[in-house]
Amino acid sequence: MDYKNMFAVCSGNRGCGCEEKLTCDARKGNDAIKVNPCDESTLRGITYKSNGIIQSSDPVIDEDLNQRLNLK
Protein backbone atom coordinates (compact mmCIF):
# COMPACT_ATOMS: atom_id res chain seq x y z
CA MET A 1 0.00 0.00 0.00
CA ASP A 2 1.34 3.43 -0.92
CA TYR A 3 0.29 5.90 1.78
CA LYS A 4 1.33 8.84 -0.42
CA ASN A 5 -1.91 8.27 -2.34
CA MET A 6 -4.00 8.69 0.81
CA PHE A 7 -3.44 12.38 1.58
CA ALA A 8 -6.69 14.21 2.12
CA VAL A 9 -7.29 17.28 0.01
CA CYS A 10 -9.87 20.00 0.17
CA SER A 11 -12.31 20.75 -2.63
CA GLY A 12 -10.28 23.85 -3.44
CA ASN A 13 -13.45 25.93 -3.90
CA ARG A 14 -14.41 23.96 -7.02
CA GLY A 15 -17.73 25.18 -8.35
CA CYS A 16 -17.35 28.70 -6.94
CA GLY A 17 -17.37 30.19 -10.43
CA CYS A 18 -14.23 32.25 -9.83
CA GLU A 19 -10.82 30.92 -10.82
CA GLU A 20 -9.07 33.43 -8.53
CA LYS A 21 -10.68 31.78 -5.48
CA LEU A 22 -9.52 28.24 -6.39
CA THR A 23 -6.99 26.69 -3.99
CA CYS A 24 -4.99 23.48 -3.58
CA ASP A 25 -5.25 20.91 -6.40
CA ALA A 26 -8.17 22.79 -7.97
CA ARG A 27 -5.80 25.73 -8.53
CA LYS A 28 -2.60 23.74 -9.20
CA GLY A 29 -4.03 21.46 -11.85
CA ASN A 30 -1.23 19.37 -13.33
CA ASP A 31 1.57 21.79 -12.41
CA ALA A 32 4.45 20.15 -10.56
CA ILE A 33 5.26 21.58 -7.14
CA LYS A 34 8.36 21.32 -4.95
CA VAL A 35 6.60 21.35 -1.58
CA ASN A 36 5.91 17.77 -0.50
CA PRO A 37 4.28 16.73 2.81
CA CYS A 38 6.26 13.45 2.64
CA ASP A 39 9.58 15.31 2.50
CA GLU A 40 10.33 17.13 5.75
CA SER A 41 13.06 19.19 4.11
CA THR A 42 10.45 20.99 1.97
CA LEU A 43 8.42 21.87 5.08
CA ARG A 44 11.14 23.27 7.36
CA GLY A 45 11.07 26.85 6.10
CA ILE A 46 7.29 27.21 6.17
CA THR A 47 5.97 29.71 8.72
CA TYR A 48 2.59 31.25 9.47
CA LYS A 49 2.07 34.91 10.34
CA SER A 50 -0.47 35.99 12.95
CA ASN A 51 -2.70 37.32 10.14
CA GLY A 52 -2.91 33.83 8.61
CA ILE A 53 -0.38 34.35 5.81
CA ILE A 54 1.66 31.24 5.00
CA GLN A 55 5.18 31.71 3.68
CA SER A 56 8.44 29.88 3.10
CA SER A 57 12.05 30.99 3.26
CA ASP A 58 12.57 28.95 0.05
CA PRO A 59 11.36 31.17 -2.82
CA VAL A 60 10.27 28.20 -4.96
CA ILE A 61 8.18 26.72 -2.15
CA ASP A 62 6.81 30.16 -1.30
CA GLU A 63 5.65 30.44 -4.93
CA ASP A 64 4.07 26.97 -4.67
CA LEU A 65 2.17 27.98 -1.55
CA ASN A 66 1.03 31.41 -2.62
CA GLN A 67 0.71 31.17 -6.41
CA ARG A 68 0.25 27.55 -7.51
CA LEU A 69 -1.77 26.45 -4.48
CA ASN A 70 -3.19 29.93 -3.72
CA LEU A 71 -2.94 29.49 0.05
CA LYS A 72 -2.29 33.19 0.72
C-alpha atoms as a PDB file:
ATOM      1  CA  MET A   1       0.000   0.000   0.000  1.00  0.00           C
ATOM      2  CA  ASP A   2       1.336   3.430  -0.920  1.00  0.00           C
ATOM      3  CA  TYR A   3       0.289   5.897   1.784  1.00  0.00           C
ATOM      4  CA  LYS A   4       1.334   8.839  -0.419  1.00  0.00           C
ATOM      5  CA  ASN A   5      -1.913   8.267  -2.338  1.00  0.00           C
ATOM      6  CA  MET A   6      -3.995   8.688   0.813  1.00  0.00           C
ATOM      7  CA  PHE A   7      -3.444  12.383   1.577  1.00  0.00           C
ATOM      8  CA  ALA A   8      -6.691  14.211   2.120  1.00  0.00           C
ATOM      9  CA  VAL A   9      -7.285  17.281   0.007  1.00  0.00           C
ATOM     10  CA  CYS A  10      -9.871  20.001   0.166  1.00  0.00           C
ATOM     11  CA  SER A  11     -12.314  20.753  -2.629  1.00  0.00           C
ATOM     12  CA  GLY A  12     -10.284  23.854  -3.444  1.00  0.00           C
ATOM     13  CA  ASN A  13     -13.451  25.928  -3.902  1.00  0.00           C
ATOM     14  CA  ARG A  14     -14.411  23.963  -7.020  1.00  0.00           C
ATOM     15  CA  GLY A  15     -17.729  25.181  -8.350  1.00  0.00           C
ATOM     16  CA  CYS A  16     -17.353  28.696  -6.935  1.00  0.00           C
ATOM     17  CA  GLY A  17     -17.367  30.186 -10.430  1.00  0.00           C
ATOM     18  CA  CYS A  18     -14.234  32.252  -9.831  1.00  0.00           C
ATOM     19  CA  GLU A  19     -10.816  30.917 -10.815  1.00  0.00           C
ATOM     20  CA  GLU A  20      -9.067  33.435  -8.532  1.00  0.00           C
ATOM     21  CA  LYS A  21     -10.677  31.777  -5.484  1.00  0.00           C
ATOM     22  CA  LEU A  22      -9.516  28.244  -6.386  1.00  0.00           C
ATOM     23  CA  THR A  23      -6.989  26.688  -3.994  1.00  0.00           C
ATOM     24  CA  CYS A  24      -4.987  23.479  -3.581  1.00  0.00           C
ATOM     25  CA  ASP A  25      -5.255  20.911  -6.400  1.00  0.00           C
ATOM     26  CA  ALA A  26      -8.170  22.793  -7.971  1.00  0.00           C
ATOM     27  CA  ARG A  27      -5.799  25.726  -8.532  1.00  0.00           C
ATOM     28  CA  LYS A  28      -2.598  23.737  -9.200  1.00  0.00           C
ATOM     29  CA  GLY A  29      -4.029  21.462 -11.849  1.00  0.00           C
ATOM     30  CA  ASN A  30      -1.230  19.372 -13.326  1.00  0.00           C
ATOM     31  CA  ASP A  31       1.572  21.786 -12.414  1.00  0.00           C
ATOM     32  CA  ALA A  32       4.455  20.152 -10.560  1.00  0.00           C
ATOM     33  CA  ILE A  33       5.259  21.579  -7.144  1.00  0.00           C
ATOM     34  CA  LYS A  34       8.361  21.320  -4.946  1.00  0.00           C
ATOM     35  CA  VAL A  35       6.600  21.352  -1.576  1.00  0.00           C
ATOM     36  CA  ASN A  36       5.914  17.774  -0.504  1.00  0.00           C
ATOM     37  CA  PRO A  37       4.278  16.728   2.807  1.00  0.00           C
ATOM     38  CA  CYS A  38       6.260  13.447   2.640  1.00  0.00           C
ATOM     39  CA  ASP A  39       9.583  15.309   2.501  1.00  0.00           C
ATOM     40  CA  GLU A  40      10.328  17.125   5.753  1.00  0.00           C
ATOM     41  CA  SER A  41      13.060  19.189   4.108  1.00  0.00           C
ATOM     42  CA  THR A  42      10.452  20.987   1.974  1.00  0.00           C
ATOM     43  CA  LEU A  43       8.415  21.872   5.079  1.00  0.00           C
ATOM     44  CA  ARG A  44      11.139  23.266   7.364  1.00  0.00           C
ATOM     45  CA  GLY A  45      11.074  26.846   6.102  1.00  0.00           C
ATOM     46  CA  ILE A  46       7.288  27.214   6.173  1.00  0.00           C
ATOM     47  CA  THR A  47       5.972  29.708   8.720  1.00  0.00           C
ATOM     48  CA  TYR A  48       2.592  31.251   9.470  1.00  0.00           C
ATOM     49  CA  LYS A  49       2.067  34.905  10.338  1.00  0.00           C
ATOM     50  CA  SER A  50      -0.468  35.988  12.949  1.00  0.00           C
ATOM     51  CA  ASN A  51      -2.697  37.317  10.144  1.00  0.00           C
ATOM     52  CA  GLY A  52      -2.915  33.825   8.607  1.00  0.00           C
ATOM     53  CA  ILE A  53      -0.384  34.354   5.806  1.00  0.00           C
ATOM     54  CA  ILE A  54       1.656  31.244   4.999  1.00  0.00           C
ATOM     55  CA  GLN A  55       5.181  31.708   3.679  1.00  0.00           C
ATOM     56  CA  SER A  56       8.438  29.877   3.105  1.00  0.00           C
ATOM     57  CA  SER A  57      12.053  30.987   3.258  1.00  0.00           C
ATOM     58  CA  ASP A  58      12.571  28.949   0.048  1.00  0.00           C
ATOM     59  CA  PRO A  59      11.356  31.175  -2.823  1.00  0.00           C
ATOM     60  CA  VAL A  60      10.272  28.200  -4.961  1.00  0.00           C
ATOM     61  CA  ILE A  61       8.179  26.718  -2.149  1.00  0.00           C
ATOM     62  CA  ASP A  62       6.806  30.162  -1.301  1.00  0.00           C
ATOM     63  CA  GLU A  63       5.653  30.444  -4.929  1.00  0.00           C
ATOM     64  CA  ASP A  64       4.075  26.968  -4.673  1.00  0.00           C
ATOM     65  CA  LEU A  65       2.165  27.978  -1.551  1.00  0.00           C
ATOM     66  CA  ASN A  66       1.026  31.414  -2.619  1.00  0.00           C
ATOM     67  CA  GLN A  67       0.710  31.172  -6.406  1.00  0.00           C
ATOM     68  CA  ARG A  68       0.254  27.554  -7.514  1.00  0.00           C
ATOM     69  CA  LEU A  69      -1.770  26.451  -4.478  1.00  0.00           C
ATOM     70  CA  ASN A  70      -3.186  29.926  -3.719  1.00  0.00           C
ATOM     71  CA  LEU A  71      -2.939  29.493   0.054  1.00  0.00           C
ATOM     72  CA  LYS A  72      -2.295  33.186   0.716  1.00  0.00           C
END
